């Protein structure tokens, strides 16, 4: 490694927020009667990507979060708020 090359430690997202996001996407999707494949198609994403997000295995970008929220008809904060489906945020 050269002197000018910095080694960056890869940051991981907070586990709790990842799990909240995963759970909310799954809940909103199921409430709408959508399969992972149907949601993925609505977002122009691959079905395995949606599955990985729902399992908390992927770190989603803001633009992808906006796509998923739009396809589900909810806001980005709804996807990131714990139990938003149970707290009347269901639209």
C-alpha atoms as a PDB file:
ATOM      1  CA  UNK A   1       0.000   0.000   0.000  1.00  0.00           C
ATOM      2  CA  UNK A   2       1.405   3.390  -0.937  1.00  0.00           C
ATOM      3  CA  UNK A   3       1.773   6.276   1.514  1.00  0.00           C
ATOM      4  CA  UNK A   4      -1.081   8.199  -0.106  1.00  0.00           C
ATOM      5  CA  UNK A   5      -3.555   5.332   0.053  1.00  0.00           C
ATOM      6  CA  UNK A   6      -5.802   5.430   3.066  1.00  0.00           C
ATOM      7  CA  UNK A   7      -7.442   2.300   4.298  1.00  0.00           C
ATOM      8  CA  UNK A   8     -11.045   2.970   5.227  1.00  0.00           C
ATOM      9  CA  UNK A   9     -12.980   0.855   7.655  1.00  0.00           C
ATOM     10  CA  UNK A  10     -16.249  -0.219   6.059  1.00  0.00           C
ATOM     11  CA  UNK A  11     -19.190   1.139   8.014  1.00  0.00           C
ATOM     12  CA  UNK A  12     -22.237  -0.982   8.638  1.00  0.00           C
ATOM     13  CA  UNK A  13     -25.712   0.426   9.126  1.00  0.00           C
ATOM     14  CA  UNK A  14     -27.306   0.295  12.543  1.00  0.00           C
ATOM     15  CA  UNK A  15     -28.753  -3.204  13.073  1.00  0.00           C
ATOM     16  CA  UNK A  16     -31.956  -1.913  14.666  1.00  0.00           C
ATOM     17  CA  UNK A  17     -32.837   0.480  11.833  1.00  0.00           C
ATOM     18  CA  UNK A  18     -32.014  -2.224   9.281  1.00  0.00           C
ATOM     19  CA  UNK A  19     -34.428  -4.606  11.008  1.00  0.00           C
ATOM     20  CA  UNK A  20     -37.156  -1.941  11.257  1.00  0.00           C
ATOM     21  CA  UNK A  21     -36.789  -1.184   7.545  1.00  0.00           C
ATOM     22  CA  UNK A  22     -36.852  -4.876   6.640  1.00  0.00           C
ATOM     23  CA  UNK A  23     -39.932  -5.557   8.739  1.00  0.00           C
ATOM     24  CA  UNK A  24     -41.819  -2.521   7.444  1.00  0.00           C
ATOM     25  CA  UNK A  25     -41.119  -3.266   3.788  1.00  0.00           C
ATOM     26  CA  UNK A  26     -42.288  -6.861   4.278  1.00  0.00           C
ATOM     27  CA  UNK A  27     -45.422  -5.760   6.181  1.00  0.00           C
ATOM     28  CA  UNK A  28     -46.428  -3.038   3.705  1.00  0.00           C
ATOM     29  CA  UNK A  29     -45.767  -5.392   0.783  1.00  0.00           C
ATOM     30  CA  UNK A  30     -47.848  -8.211   2.261  1.00  0.00           C
ATOM     31  CA  UNK A  31     -50.672  -5.836   3.230  1.00  0.00           C
ATOM     32  CA  UNK A  32     -50.891  -4.850  -0.432  1.00  0.00           C
ATOM     33  CA  UNK A  33     -50.880  -8.472  -1.559  1.00  0.00           C
ATOM     34  CA  UNK A  34     -47.622  -8.055  -3.475  1.00  0.00           C
ATOM     35  CA  UNK A  35     -44.999 -10.717  -3.978  1.00  0.00           C
ATOM     36  CA  UNK A  36     -41.324  -9.800  -3.715  1.00  0.00           C
ATOM     37  CA  UNK A  37     -41.152 -10.232  -7.467  1.00  0.00           C
ATOM     38  CA  UNK A  38     -44.070  -7.850  -8.087  1.00  0.00           C
ATOM     39  CA  UNK A  39     -42.589  -5.187  -5.790  1.00  0.00           C
ATOM     40  CA  UNK A  40     -39.191  -5.583  -7.430  1.00  0.00           C
ATOM     41  CA  UNK A  41     -40.720  -5.144 -10.864  1.00  0.00           C
ATOM     42  CA  UNK A  42     -42.536  -1.972  -9.740  1.00  0.00           C
ATOM     43  CA  UNK A  43     -39.176  -0.585  -8.565  1.00  0.00           C
ATOM     44  CA  UNK A  44     -37.109  -1.891 -11.506  1.00  0.00           C
ATOM     45  CA  UNK A  45     -35.059  -3.977  -9.066  1.00  0.00           C
ATOM     46  CA  UNK A  46     -34.270  -7.695  -8.956  1.00  0.00           C
ATOM     47  CA  UNK A  47     -36.493  -9.903  -6.786  1.00  0.00           C
ATOM     48  CA  UNK A  48     -33.481 -11.282  -4.921  1.00  0.00           C
ATOM     49  CA  UNK A  49     -32.533  -7.730  -3.944  1.00  0.00           C
ATOM     50  CA  UNK A  50     -35.966  -7.157  -2.358  1.00  0.00           C
ATOM     51  CA  UNK A  51     -35.612 -10.460  -0.502  1.00  0.00           C
ATOM     52  CA  UNK A  52     -32.171  -9.480   0.783  1.00  0.00           C
ATOM     53  CA  UNK A  53     -33.484  -6.091   1.953  1.00  0.00           C
ATOM     54  CA  UNK A  54     -36.376  -7.810   3.751  1.00  0.00           C
ATOM     55  CA  UNK A  55     -33.877 -10.082   5.510  1.00  0.00           C
ATOM     56  CA  UNK A  56     -31.756  -7.093   6.529  1.00  0.00           C
ATOM     57  CA  UNK A  57     -28.831  -8.233   4.408  1.00  0.00           C
ATOM     58  CA  UNK A  58     -28.524  -5.182   2.165  1.00  0.00           C
ATOM     59  CA  UNK A  59     -27.714  -1.550   2.878  1.00  0.00           C
ATOM     60  CA  UNK A  60     -30.189   0.435   0.774  1.00  0.00           C
ATOM     61  CA  UNK A  61     -29.359   3.774  -0.819  1.00  0.00           C
ATOM     62  CA  UNK A  62     -31.660   6.741  -0.344  1.00  0.00           C
ATOM     63  CA  UNK A  63     -32.721   6.636  -3.983  1.00  0.00           C
ATOM     64  CA  UNK A  64     -33.663   2.948  -3.673  1.00  0.00           C
ATOM     65  CA  UNK A  65     -35.528   3.690  -0.450  1.00  0.00           C
ATOM     66  CA  UNK A  66     -37.520   6.350  -2.326  1.00  0.00           C
ATOM     67  CA  UNK A  67     -38.340   3.881  -5.106  1.00  0.00           C
ATOM     68  CA  UNK A  68     -39.572   1.243  -2.662  1.00  0.00           C
ATOM     69  CA  UNK A  69     -41.594   3.767  -0.626  1.00  0.00           C
ATOM     70  CA  UNK A  70     -43.193   5.127  -3.799  1.00  0.00           C
ATOM     71  CA  UNK A  71     -44.108   1.668  -5.057  1.00  0.00           C
ATOM     72  CA  UNK A  72     -45.689   0.835  -1.692  1.00  0.00           C
ATOM     73  CA  UNK A  73     -47.493   4.184  -1.508  1.00  0.00           C
ATOM     74  CA  UNK A  74     -45.868   5.249   1.761  1.00  0.00           C
ATOM     75  CA  UNK A  75     -43.269   7.812   2.766  1.00  0.00           C
ATOM     76  CA  UNK A  76     -39.613   7.078   3.471  1.00  0.00           C
ATOM     77  CA  UNK A  77     -40.137   7.949   7.168  1.00  0.00           C
ATOM     78  CA  UNK A  78     -42.959   5.377   7.266  1.00  0.00           C
ATOM     79  CA  UNK A  79     -40.471   2.711   6.197  1.00  0.00           C
ATOM     80  CA  UNK A  80     -37.996   3.794   8.876  1.00  0.00           C
ATOM     81  CA  UNK A  81     -40.447   4.188  11.765  1.00  0.00           C
ATOM     82  CA  UNK A  82     -40.829   1.251  14.110  1.00  0.00           C
ATOM     83  CA  UNK A  83     -44.237  -0.403  13.836  1.00  0.00           C
ATOM     84  CA  UNK A  84     -45.567   2.301  11.519  1.00  0.00           C
ATOM     85  CA  UNK A  85     -48.055  -0.169  10.047  1.00  0.00           C
ATOM     86  CA  UNK A  86     -49.457  -0.840  13.544  1.00  0.00           C
ATOM     87  CA  UNK A  87     -49.501   2.841  14.490  1.00  0.00           C
ATOM     88  CA  UNK A  88     -52.003   3.830  11.818  1.00  0.00           C
ATOM     89  CA  UNK A  89     -49.459   4.891   9.198  1.00  0.00           C
ATOM     90  CA  UNK A  90     -50.899   2.360   6.754  1.00  0.00           C
ATOM     91  CA  UNK A  91     -52.156   4.224   3.709  1.00  0.00           C
END
